[in-house]
Amino acid sequence: MKKVFQAVLVLILLGICTAAAHAQYLALGDSIPFGYNPLIWTPPGPPAPTANLLSYYHGYPQYVSGFLKLDLWSASCPGETSSSFLVGPPDNGCSEWRSGLPLYGEVPLFVSYASIMETQKEYAVSFLAAHPDTKLVTITIGGDDLLLLEDACAAKYMDDLADIEKCELAGLGDVLVTFAKNLTAIYLAIRFEARYKGPIVAVNYFSSDYANAVETTSLTELNGITLFLTRVFGGRVADVFSAFQKASTASGGLPCAAAVGLAFPNPLAPGGCDVHPTVAGQELIANLVLQTLKSRPIF
């Protein structure tokens, strides 16, 4: 009888382990969860050193999934805006990634969309409906909304920094209103259309230069909207902004400083920082996500 009980116990434990090993984790968003590295290349730039492009990109979802032993499905796309997440282009480069690279005959994304026309929102809803056992959803979205505004102002005023900043501040309100509407629609789709009831962790944005008042103010406003709406829909926020700011204080607010190493240097602006985190930065973000989940077990 004892042997039978032991055998049954082993089978139960194996079943639990198997179920946990196949539990799903859906990561949504832009180039941050994708793990984009600006020092490699950007389509349609020079050829990559190998056809296996994805091996060069490591976002925080990969570290989170490894720690929690969840099967990761990262639908993230570099250059995705909150608007393109819902309805498709125009975006800030995601459509180029989605269209694939003819040189290699591949689409350099971590998941296969049903078609080039399928939006990330549609993918998320379909995935969650098909995987009701999904244990975690993370999302980082909205940063490219601000970058599009920055690019539009820079194109309009060229090298006049003062006018560029005035343009960005003048356009910030409209961008934030649109972002709030879009993020609300995204959460409505996840919670009600897909009927997902599990934990959602939104990851906010760090500033590439905390001494830059315009950039830091814009991100503070964007992150504030993310915090409010994520809480409204029963989610939590991993506060990357504050963690990177604290780590960058002694280096003048630059997260890419040698003593900090959380962000890549900007290859187009010597001495400045890029908006993308390094491996160390991604690992810190992953730890923040895990800390955020502590008070809400996912199993």
C-alpha atoms as a PDB file:
ATOM      1  CA  MET A   1       0.000   0.000   0.000  1.00  0.00           C
ATOM      2  CA  LYS A   2       2.871   2.308   0.871  1.00  0.00           C
ATOM      3  CA  LYS A   3       4.472   1.716  -2.537  1.00  0.00           C
ATOM      4  CA  VAL A   4       1.198   2.453  -4.292  1.00  0.00           C
ATOM      5  CA  PHE A   5       0.852   5.709  -2.367  1.00  0.00           C
ATOM      6  CA  GLN A   6       4.414   6.689  -3.253  1.00  0.00           C
ATOM      7  CA  ALA A   7       3.796   5.934  -6.909  1.00  0.00           C
ATOM      8  CA  VAL A   8       0.630   8.041  -6.930  1.00  0.00           C
ATOM      9  CA  LEU A   9       2.477  10.882  -5.183  1.00  0.00           C
ATOM     10  CA  VAL A  10       5.231  10.811  -7.808  1.00  0.00           C
ATOM     11  CA  LEU A  11       2.658  10.953 -10.596  1.00  0.00           C
ATOM     12  CA  ILE A  12       0.941  13.928  -8.961  1.00  0.00           C
ATOM     13  CA  LEU A  13       4.220  15.793  -8.554  1.00  0.00           C
ATOM     14  CA  LEU A  14       5.180  15.039 -12.133  1.00  0.00           C
ATOM     15  CA  GLY A  15       1.815  16.345 -13.246  1.00  0.00           C
ATOM     16  CA  ILE A  16       2.276  19.578 -11.305  1.00  0.00           C
ATOM     17  CA  CYS A  17       5.761  20.092 -12.701  1.00  0.00           C
ATOM     18  CA  THR A  18       4.596  19.374 -16.222  1.00  0.00           C
ATOM     19  CA  ALA A  19       1.708  21.804 -15.888  1.00  0.00           C
ATOM     20  CA  ALA A  20       3.991  24.511 -14.517  1.00  0.00           C
ATOM     21  CA  ALA A  21       6.553  23.920 -17.267  1.00  0.00           C
ATOM     22  CA  HIS A  22       3.907  24.474 -19.926  1.00  0.00           C
ATOM     23  CA  ALA A  23       2.221  27.479 -18.328  1.00  0.00           C
ATOM     24  CA  GLN A  24       2.196  30.455 -20.656  1.00  0.00           C
ATOM     25  CA  TYR A  25       3.603  33.976 -20.333  1.00  0.00           C
ATOM     26  CA  LEU A  26       2.619  36.620 -22.895  1.00  0.00           C
ATOM     27  CA  ALA A  27       4.912  39.624 -23.310  1.00  0.00           C
ATOM     28  CA  LEU A  28       3.567  42.621 -25.205  1.00  0.00           C
ATOM     29  CA  GLY A  29       4.978  45.937 -26.303  1.00  0.00           C
ATOM     30  CA  ASP A  30       7.807  47.582 -28.182  1.00  0.00           C
ATOM     31  CA  SER A  31      11.592  47.382 -28.477  1.00  0.00           C
ATOM     32  CA  ILE A  32      12.214  47.303 -24.718  1.00  0.00           C
ATOM     33  CA  PRO A  33      10.651  43.857 -24.094  1.00  0.00           C
ATOM     34  CA  PHE A  34      11.936  42.786 -27.506  1.00  0.00           C
ATOM     35  CA  GLY A  35      15.477  43.394 -26.237  1.00  0.00           C
ATOM     36  CA  TYR A  36      16.516  45.685 -29.070  1.00  0.00           C
ATOM     37  CA  ASN A  37      20.230  46.507 -29.236  1.00  0.00           C
ATOM     38  CA  PRO A  38      20.998  49.746 -31.147  1.00  0.00           C
ATOM     39  CA  LEU A  39      24.650  48.773 -31.537  1.00  0.00           C
ATOM     40  CA  ILE A  40      23.824  45.885 -33.875  1.00  0.00           C
ATOM     41  CA  TRP A  41      21.776  47.305 -36.729  1.00  0.00           C
ATOM     42  CA  THR A  42      18.346  48.478 -37.768  1.00  0.00           C
ATOM     43  CA  PRO A  43      16.459  47.384 -40.904  1.00  0.00           C
ATOM     44  CA  PRO A  44      17.116  48.326 -43.635  1.00  0.00           C
ATOM     45  CA  GLY A  45      20.676  48.851 -42.416  1.00  0.00           C
ATOM     46  CA  PRO A  46      23.750  46.725 -43.123  1.00  0.00           C
ATOM     47  CA  PRO A  47      23.473  42.927 -43.030  1.00  0.00           C
ATOM     48  CA  ALA A  48      23.557  41.313 -39.637  1.00  0.00           C
ATOM     49  CA  PRO A  49      26.544  39.089 -38.810  1.00  0.00           C
ATOM     50  CA  THR A  50      24.307  36.038 -38.952  1.00  0.00           C
ATOM     51  CA  ALA A  51      20.874  35.111 -40.238  1.00  0.00           C
ATOM     52  CA  ASN A  52      19.817  34.132 -36.731  1.00  0.00           C
ATOM     53  CA  LEU A  53      18.873  37.681 -35.786  1.00  0.00           C
ATOM     54  CA  LEU A  54      16.866  36.830 -32.710  1.00  0.00           C
ATOM     55  CA  SER A  55      19.897  35.427 -30.919  1.00  0.00           C
ATOM     56  CA  TYR A  56      21.153  39.006 -30.545  1.00  0.00           C
ATOM     57  CA  TYR A  57      18.105  40.320 -28.712  1.00  0.00           C
ATOM     58  CA  HIS A  58      17.431  39.609 -25.040  1.00  0.00           C
ATOM     59  CA  GLY A  59      14.597  41.469 -23.353  1.00  0.00           C
ATOM     60  CA  TYR A  60      13.448  41.335 -19.759  1.00  0.00           C
ATOM     61  CA  PRO A  61      10.683  38.801 -20.594  1.00  0.00           C
ATOM     62  CA  GLN A  62      13.328  36.169 -21.324  1.00  0.00           C
ATOM     63  CA  TYR A  63      14.820  36.570 -17.855  1.00  0.00           C
ATOM     64  CA  VAL A  64      11.397  36.625 -16.190  1.00  0.00           C
ATOM     65  CA  SER A  65      10.238  33.505 -18.019  1.00  0.00           C
ATOM     66  CA  GLY A  66      13.445  31.679 -17.157  1.00  0.00           C
ATOM     67  CA  PHE A  67      13.132  32.456 -13.456  1.00  0.00           C
ATOM     68  CA  LEU A  68       9.436  31.557 -13.284  1.00  0.00           C
ATOM     69  CA  LYS A  69       9.812  28.588 -15.637  1.00  0.00           C
ATOM     70  CA  LEU A  70       7.051  29.822 -17.938  1.00  0.00           C
ATOM     71  CA  ASP A  71       6.831  29.290 -21.675  1.00  0.00           C
ATOM     72  CA  LEU A  72       7.431  32.735 -23.164  1.00  0.00           C
ATOM     73  CA  TRP A  73       5.481  34.131 -26.095  1.00  0.00           C
ATOM     74  CA  SER A  74       6.879  37.578 -26.855  1.00  0.00           C
ATOM     75  CA  ALA A  75       4.682  39.409 -29.358  1.00  0.00           C
ATOM     76  CA  SER A  76       6.698  42.603 -28.886  1.00  0.00           C
ATOM     77  CA  CYS A  77       7.736  44.593 -31.935  1.00  0.00           C
ATOM     78  CA  PRO A  78      10.393  47.338 -32.121  1.00  0.00           C
ATOM     79  CA  GLY A  79       8.774  50.664 -32.935  1.00  0.00           C
ATOM     80  CA  GLU A  80       5.254  49.688 -31.893  1.00  0.00           C
ATOM     81  CA  THR A  81       3.187  52.665 -30.735  1.00  0.00           C
ATOM     82  CA  SER A  82       0.032  52.487 -28.652  1.00  0.00           C
ATOM     83  CA  SER A  83      -1.960  53.322 -31.800  1.00  0.00           C
ATOM     84  CA  SER A  84      -0.289  50.757 -34.064  1.00  0.00           C
ATOM     85  CA  PHE A  85      -0.728  48.174 -31.281  1.00  0.00           C
ATOM     86  CA  LEU A  86      -4.472  48.566 -31.849  1.00  0.00           C
ATOM     87  CA  VAL A  87      -4.915  49.326 -35.539  1.00  0.00           C
ATOM     88  CA  GLY A  88      -1.569  48.896 -37.289  1.00  0.00           C
ATOM     89  CA  PRO A  89       0.643  51.427 -39.150  1.00  0.00           C
ATOM     90  CA  PRO A  90       1.766  54.142 -39.071  1.00  0.00           C
ATOM     91  CA  ASP A  91       4.257  53.281 -36.351  1.00  0.00           C
ATOM     92  CA  ASN A  92       7.879  53.982 -35.488  1.00  0.00           C
ATOM     93  CA  GLY A  93       9.475  51.091 -37.340  1.00  0.00           C
ATOM     94  CA  CYS A  94       7.453  48.046 -36.313  1.00  0.00           C
ATOM     95  CA  SER A  95       6.022  47.592 -39.822  1.00  0.00           C
ATOM     96  CA  GLU A  96       9.549  47.209 -41.203  1.00  0.00           C
ATOM     97  CA  TRP A  97      10.242  44.424 -38.738  1.00  0.00           C
ATOM     98  CA  ARG A  98       6.872  42.849 -39.410  1.00  0.00           C
ATOM     99  CA  SER A  99       7.468  42.840 -43.175  1.00  0.00           C
ATOM    100  CA  GLY A 100      10.546  40.645 -42.771  1.00  0.00           C
ATOM    101  CA  LEU A 101      13.973  40.763 -44.329  1.00  0.00           C
ATOM    102  CA  PRO A 102      14.090  39.450 -47.919  1.00  0.00           C
ATOM    103  CA  LEU A 103      17.846  38.932 -47.602  1.00  0.00           C
ATOM    104  CA  TYR A 104      17.238  36.174 -45.063  1.00  0.00           C
ATOM    105  CA  GLY A 105      13.690  35.197 -45.990  1.00  0.00           C
ATOM    106  CA  GLU A 106      12.531  35.572 -42.418  1.00  0.00           C
ATOM    107  CA  VAL A 107      10.437  37.761 -40.149  1.00  0.00           C
ATOM    108  CA  PRO A 108      12.673  38.794 -37.232  1.00  0.00           C
ATOM    109  CA  LEU A 109      10.068  38.576 -34.492  1.00  0.00           C
ATOM    110  CA  PHE A 110       9.727  36.081 -31.665  1.00  0.00           C
ATOM    111  CA  VAL A 111       6.226  34.938 -32.615  1.00  0.00           C
ATOM    112  CA  SER A 112       4.484  34.309 -35.914  1.00  0.00           C
ATOM    113  CA  TYR A 113       1.563  36.601 -36.564  1.00  0.00           C
ATOM    114  CA  ALA A 114      -1.343  35.248 -38.606  1.00  0.00           C
ATOM    115  CA  SER A 115      -0.604  37.859 -41.261  1.00  0.00           C
ATOM    116  CA  ILE A 116       1.254  41.123 -41.680  1.00  0.00           C
ATOM    117  CA  MET A 117      -2.084  42.846 -41.082  1.00  0.00           C
ATOM    118  CA  GLU A 118      -2.747  41.243 -37.686  1.00  0.00           C
ATOM    119  CA  THR A 119      -2.228  43.777 -34.927  1.00  0.00           C
ATOM    120  CA  GLN A 120      -0.536  43.062 -31.634  1.00  0.00           C
ATOM    121  CA  LYS A 121      -3.880  43.568 -29.907  1.00  0.00           C
ATOM    122  CA  GLU A 122      -5.499  40.953 -32.147  1.00  0.00           C
ATOM    123  CA  TYR A 123      -2.625  38.564 -31.510  1.00  0.00           C
ATOM    124  CA  ALA A 124      -2.931  39.072 -27.756  1.00  0.00           C
ATOM    125  CA  VAL A 125      -6.679  38.473 -27.709  1.00  0.00           C
ATOM    126  CA  SER A 126      -6.378  35.340 -29.856  1.00  0.00           C
ATOM    127  CA  PHE A 127      -3.500  34.005 -27.782  1.00  0.00           C
ATOM    128  CA  LEU A 128      -5.189  34.551 -24.434  1.00  0.00           C
ATOM    129  CA  ALA A 129      -8.446  33.060 -25.671  1.00  0.00           C
ATOM    130  CA  ALA A 130      -6.576  29.977 -26.879  1.00  0.00           C
ATOM    131  CA  HIS A 131      -4.449  29.736 -23.698  1.00  0.00           C
ATOM    132  CA  PRO A 132      -6.765  30.284 -20.724  1.00  0.00           C
ATOM    133  CA  ASP A 133      -3.997  28.933 -18.458  1.00  0.00           C
ATOM    134  CA  THR A 134      -1.748  31.930 -19.186  1.00  0.00           C
ATOM    135  CA  LYS A 135      -0.089  32.902 -15.895  1.00  0.00           C
ATOM    136  CA  LEU A 136       1.341  36.326 -16.700  1.00  0.00           C
ATOM    137  CA  VAL A 137       1.024  39.241 -19.124  1.00  0.00           C
ATOM    138  CA  THR A 138       3.578  42.039 -19.215  1.00  0.00           C
ATOM    139  CA  ILE A 139       3.421  45.151 -21.370  1.00  0.00           C
ATOM    140  CA  THR A 140       5.645  48.102 -22.207  1.00  0.00           C
ATOM    141  CA  ILE A 141       4.013  50.560 -24.594  1.00  0.00           C
ATOM    142  CA  GLY A 142       3.881  54.310 -25.233  1.00  0.00           C
ATOM    143  CA  GLY A 143       7.542  55.259 -25.515  1.00  0.00           C
ATOM    144  CA  ASP A 144       7.401  55.325 -29.294  1.00  0.00           C
ATOM    145  CA  ASP A 145       4.414  57.691 -29.117  1.00  0.00           C
ATOM    146  CA  LEU A 146       6.790  60.235 -27.600  1.00  0.00           C
ATOM    147  CA  LEU A 147       9.592  59.394 -30.033  1.00  0.00           C
ATOM    148  CA  LEU A 148       7.298  60.087 -33.005  1.00  0.00           C
ATOM    149  CA  LEU A 149       6.540  63.515 -31.554  1.00  0.00           C
ATOM    150  CA  GLU A 150      10.241  64.135 -31.018  1.00  0.00           C
ATOM    151  CA  ASP A 151      11.048  63.114 -34.594  1.00  0.00           C
ATOM    152  CA  ALA A 152       8.285  65.316 -36.033  1.00  0.00           C
ATOM    153  CA  CYS A 153       9.534  68.342 -34.086  1.00  0.00           C
ATOM    154  CA  ALA A 154      13.156  67.672 -35.018  1.00  0.00           C
ATOM    155  CA  ALA A 155      12.225  67.432 -38.712  1.00  0.00           C
ATOM    156  CA  LYS A 156      10.286  70.686 -38.507  1.00  0.00           C
ATOM    157  CA  TYR A 157      12.878  72.779 -36.683  1.00  0.00           C
ATOM    158  CA  MET A 158      16.088  70.987 -37.688  1.00  0.00           C
ATOM    159  CA  ASP A 159      18.927  72.012 -35.329  1.00  0.00           C
ATOM    160  CA  ASP A 160      17.065  74.657 -33.347  1.00  0.00           C
ATOM    161  CA  LEU A 161      16.992  72.920 -29.973  1.00  0.00           C
ATOM    162  CA  ALA A 162      14.896  75.578 -28.252  1.00  0.00           C
ATOM    163  CA  ASP A 163      12.138  75.427 -30.893  1.00  0.00           C
ATOM    164  CA  ILE A 164      12.257  71.616 -30.906  1.00  0.00           C
ATOM    165  CA  GLU A 165      11.649  71.551 -27.167  1.00  0.00           C
ATOM    166  CA  LYS A 166       8.805  74.095 -27.455  1.00  0.00           C
ATOM    167  CA  CYS A 167       7.274  71.947 -30.196  1.00  0.00           C
ATOM    168  CA  GLU A 168       7.515  68.806 -28.057  1.00  0.00           C
ATOM    169  CA  LEU A 169       5.897  70.486 -25.054  1.00  0.00           C
ATOM    170  CA  ALA A 170       3.154  71.952 -27.249  1.00  0.00           C
ATOM    171  CA  GLY A 171       2.341  68.549 -28.725  1.00  0.00           C
ATOM    172  CA  LEU A 172       2.710  66.539 -25.525  1.00  0.00           C
ATOM    173  CA  GLY A 173      -0.872  66.987 -24.356  1.00  0.00           C
ATOM    174  CA  ASP A 174      -2.405  65.506 -27.503  1.00  0.00           C
ATOM    175  CA  VAL A 175       0.022  62.578 -27.427  1.00  0.00           C
ATOM    176  CA  LEU A 176      -0.838  61.805 -23.807  1.00  0.00           C
ATOM    177  CA  VAL A 177      -4.589  61.993 -24.422  1.00  0.00           C
ATOM    178  CA  THR A 178      -4.277  59.584 -27.344  1.00  0.00           C
ATOM    179  CA  PHE A 179      -2.061  57.288 -25.305  1.00  0.00           C
ATOM    180  CA  ALA A 180      -4.574  57.198 -22.442  1.00  0.00           C
ATOM    181  CA  LYS A 181      -7.382  56.263 -24.833  1.00  0.00           C
ATOM    182  CA  ASN A 182      -5.246  53.601 -26.493  1.00  0.00           C
ATOM    183  CA  LEU A 183      -4.015  52.026 -23.266  1.00  0.00           C
ATOM    184  CA  THR A 184      -7.583  51.885 -22.004  1.00  0.00           C
ATOM    185  CA  ALA A 185      -8.601  50.073 -25.204  1.00  0.00           C
ATOM    186  CA  ILE A 186      -5.671  47.666 -24.836  1.00  0.00           C
ATOM    187  CA  TYR A 187      -6.609  46.763 -21.274  1.00  0.00           C
ATOM    188  CA  LEU A 188     -10.281  46.422 -22.194  1.00  0.00           C
ATOM    189  CA  ALA A 189      -9.287  43.952 -24.909  1.00  0.00           C
ATOM    190  CA  ILE A 190      -7.112  41.927 -22.528  1.00  0.00           C
ATOM    191  CA  ARG A 191      -9.518  41.874 -19.592  1.00  0.00           C
ATOM    192  CA  PHE A 192     -12.889  41.662 -21.311  1.00  0.00           C
ATOM    193  CA  GLU A 193     -12.467  40.602 -24.940  1.00  0.00           C
ATOM    194  CA  ALA A 194      -9.891  37.923 -24.090  1.00  0.00           C
ATOM    195  CA  ARG A 195     -11.339  37.393 -20.584  1.00  0.00           C
ATOM    196  CA  TYR A 196      -7.891  37.244 -19.026  1.00  0.00           C
ATOM    197  CA  LYS A 197      -8.098  37.410 -15.226  1.00  0.00           C
ATOM    198  CA  GLY A 198      -4.456  36.824 -14.321  1.00  0.00           C
ATOM    199  CA  PRO A 199      -1.751  39.280 -13.299  1.00  0.00           C
ATOM    200  CA  ILE A 200      -0.729  42.117 -15.598  1.00  0.00           C
ATOM    201  CA  VAL A 201       2.562  43.906 -15.010  1.00  0.00           C
ATOM    202  CA  ALA A 202       3.196  47.099 -16.939  1.00  0.00           C
ATOM    203  CA  VAL A 203       6.820  48.161 -17.197  1.00  0.00           C
ATOM    204  CA  ASN A 204       7.303  51.920 -17.342  1.00  0.00           C
ATOM    205  CA  TYR A 205      10.106  53.864 -19.059  1.00  0.00           C
ATOM    206  CA  PHE A 206      13.408  55.268 -17.864  1.00  0.00           C
ATOM    207  CA  SER A 207      14.849  58.552 -19.100  1.00  0.00           C
ATOM    208  CA  SER A 208      17.964  58.488 -21.251  1.00  0.00           C
ATOM    209  CA  ASP A 209      18.973  61.726 -19.507  1.00  0.00           C
ATOM    210  CA  TYR A 210      17.350  62.564 -16.191  1.00  0.00           C
ATOM    211  CA  ALA A 211      18.856  66.070 -16.390  1.00  0.00           C
ATOM    212  CA  ASN A 212      16.854  66.721 -19.579  1.00  0.00           C
ATOM    213  CA  ALA A 213      13.732  68.415 -18.257  1.00  0.00           C
ATOM    214  CA  VAL A 214      11.637  67.961 -21.407  1.00  0.00           C
ATOM    215  CA  GLU A 215      12.322  64.238 -21.814  1.00  0.00           C
ATOM    216  CA  THR A 216      12.038  63.449 -18.135  1.00  0.00           C
ATOM    217  CA  THR A 217       8.818  65.442 -17.736  1.00  0.00           C
ATOM    218  CA  SER A 218       7.275  63.764 -20.791  1.00  0.00           C
ATOM    219  CA  LEU A 219       8.114  60.318 -19.472  1.00  0.00           C
ATOM    220  CA  THR A 220       6.874  61.176 -15.990  1.00  0.00           C
ATOM    221  CA  GLU A 221       3.490  62.140 -17.471  1.00  0.00           C
ATOM    222  CA  LEU A 222       3.362  59.029 -19.662  1.00  0.00           C
ATOM    223  CA  ASN A 223       4.335  56.776 -16.768  1.00  0.00           C
ATOM    224  CA  GLY A 224       1.696  58.417 -14.585  1.00  0.00           C
ATOM    225  CA  ILE A 225      -1.027  57.479 -17.061  1.00  0.00           C
ATOM    226  CA  THR A 226       0.324  53.933 -17.210  1.00  0.00           C
ATOM    227  CA  LEU A 227       0.274  53.655 -13.429  1.00  0.00           C
ATOM    228  CA  PHE A 228      -3.282  54.946 -13.085  1.00  0.00           C
ATOM    229  CA  LEU A 229      -4.832  52.862 -15.864  1.00  0.00           C
ATOM    230  CA  THR A 230      -2.928  49.698 -14.977  1.00  0.00           C
ATOM    231  CA  ARG A 231      -4.252  49.894 -11.430  1.00  0.00           C
ATOM    232  CA  VAL A 232      -7.774  50.547 -12.710  1.00  0.00           C
ATOM    233  CA  PHE A 233      -7.613  47.263 -14.622  1.00  0.00           C
ATOM    234  CA  GLY A 234      -6.183  45.298 -11.710  1.00  0.00           C
ATOM    235  CA  GLY A 235      -2.560  45.308 -12.778  1.00  0.00           C
ATOM    236  CA  ARG A 236       0.702  46.454 -11.232  1.00  0.00           C
ATOM    237  CA  VAL A 237       3.594  48.584 -12.476  1.00  0.00           C
ATOM    238  CA  ALA A 238       7.302  47.784 -12.334  1.00  0.00           C
ATOM    239  CA  ASP A 239       8.878  51.184 -11.658  1.00  0.00           C
ATOM    240  CA  VAL A 240      11.892  51.197 -13.972  1.00  0.00           C
ATOM    241  CA  PHE A 241      11.962  55.003 -14.091  1.00  0.00           C
ATOM    242  CA  SER A 242      12.772  55.355 -10.393  1.00  0.00           C
ATOM    243  CA  ALA A 243      15.255  52.463 -10.304  1.00  0.00           C
ATOM    244  CA  PHE A 244      17.299  53.805 -13.238  1.00  0.00           C
ATOM    245  CA  GLN A 245      17.106  57.343 -11.847  1.00  0.00           C
ATOM    246  CA  LYS A 246      18.486  56.254  -8.486  1.00  0.00           C
ATOM    247  CA  ALA A 247      21.298  54.296 -10.146  1.00  0.00           C
ATOM    248  CA  SER A 248      22.191  57.261 -12.398  1.00  0.00           C
ATOM    249  CA  THR A 249      22.242  60.014  -9.798  1.00  0.00           C
ATOM    250  CA  ALA A 250      25.980  59.955  -9.161  1.00  0.00           C
ATOM    251  CA  SER A 251      26.656  60.038 -12.913  1.00  0.00           C
ATOM    252  CA  GLY A 252      24.687  63.175 -13.681  1.00  0.00           C
ATOM    253  CA  GLY A 253      21.479  61.352 -14.585  1.00  0.00           C
ATOM    254  CA  LEU A 254      22.967  59.341 -17.450  1.00  0.00           C
ATOM    255  CA  PRO A 255      22.052  55.623 -17.250  1.00  0.00           C
ATOM    256  CA  CYS A 256      24.636  54.808 -19.933  1.00  0.00           C
ATOM    257  CA  ALA A 257      27.546  56.202 -17.920  1.00  0.00           C
ATOM    258  CA  ALA A 258      30.370  53.705 -17.461  1.00  0.00           C
ATOM    259  CA  ALA A 259      29.744  53.537 -13.724  1.00  0.00           C
ATOM    260  CA  VAL A 260      26.066  52.720 -14.335  1.00  0.00           C
ATOM    261  CA  GLY A 261      25.865  50.630 -17.512  1.00  0.00           C
ATOM    262  CA  LEU A 262      22.083  50.254 -17.577  1.00  0.00           C
ATOM    263  CA  ALA A 263      21.515  51.841 -21.005  1.00  0.00           C
ATOM    264  CA  PHE A 264      23.371  51.740 -24.299  1.00  0.00           C
ATOM    265  CA  PRO A 265      25.266  54.829 -25.444  1.00  0.00           C
ATOM    266  CA  ASN A 266      23.545  56.650 -28.282  1.00  0.00           C
ATOM    267  CA  PRO A 267      25.455  55.729 -31.485  1.00  0.00           C
ATOM    268  CA  LEU A 268      24.113  58.889 -33.172  1.00  0.00           C
ATOM    269  CA  ALA A 269      24.904  61.302 -30.348  1.00  0.00           C
ATOM    270  CA  PRO A 270      28.363  60.801 -28.773  1.00  0.00           C
ATOM    271  CA  GLY A 271      28.203  61.290 -25.027  1.00  0.00           C
ATOM    272  CA  GLY A 272      24.464  60.732 -24.885  1.00  0.00           C
ATOM    273  CA  CYS A 273      22.431  57.694 -23.941  1.00  0.00           C
ATOM    274  CA  ASP A 274      20.100  55.578 -26.018  1.00  0.00           C
ATOM    275  CA  VAL A 275      16.562  54.761 -24.883  1.00  0.00           C
ATOM    276  CA  HIS A 276      17.282  51.016 -24.807  1.00  0.00           C
ATOM    277  CA  PRO A 277      18.628  49.122 -21.789  1.00  0.00           C
ATOM    278  CA  THR A 278      21.740  46.958 -21.859  1.00  0.00           C
ATOM    279  CA  VAL A 279      21.756  43.358 -20.682  1.00  0.00           C
ATOM    280  CA  ALA A 280      22.376  44.676 -17.165  1.00  0.00           C
ATOM    281  CA  GLY A 281      19.448  47.044 -17.608  1.00  0.00           C
ATOM    282  CA  GLN A 282      17.173  44.271 -18.859  1.00  0.00           C
ATOM    283  CA  GLU A 283      18.159  42.092 -15.903  1.00  0.00           C
ATOM    284  CA  LEU A 284      17.321  44.916 -13.509  1.00  0.00           C
ATOM    285  CA  ILE A 285      13.941  45.362 -15.193  1.00  0.00           C
ATOM    286  CA  ALA A 286      13.286  41.631 -14.883  1.00  0.00           C
ATOM    287  CA  ASN A 287      14.079  41.790 -11.168  1.00  0.00           C
ATOM    288  CA  LEU A 288      11.645  44.695 -10.791  1.00  0.00           C
ATOM    289  CA  VAL A 289       8.924  42.667 -12.522  1.00  0.00           C
ATOM    290  CA  LEU A 290       9.584  39.736 -10.193  1.00  0.00           C
ATOM    291  CA  GLN A 291       9.500  42.010  -7.143  1.00  0.00           C
ATOM    292  CA  THR A 292       6.201  43.439  -8.357  1.00  0.00           C
ATOM    293  CA  LEU A 293       4.766  39.922  -8.540  1.00  0.00           C
ATOM    294  CA  LYS A 294       5.832  38.981  -5.006  1.00  0.00           C
ATOM    295  CA  SER A 295       2.639  40.168  -3.398  1.00  0.00           C
ATOM    296  CA  ARG A 296       0.523  38.383  -5.976  1.00  0.00           C
ATOM    297  CA  PRO A 297       1.507  34.729  -6.558  1.00  0.00           C
ATOM    298  CA  ILE A 298       0.878  33.530 -10.113  1.00  0.00           C
ATOM    299  CA  PHE A 299       0.602  29.821  -9.295  1.00  0.00           C
END
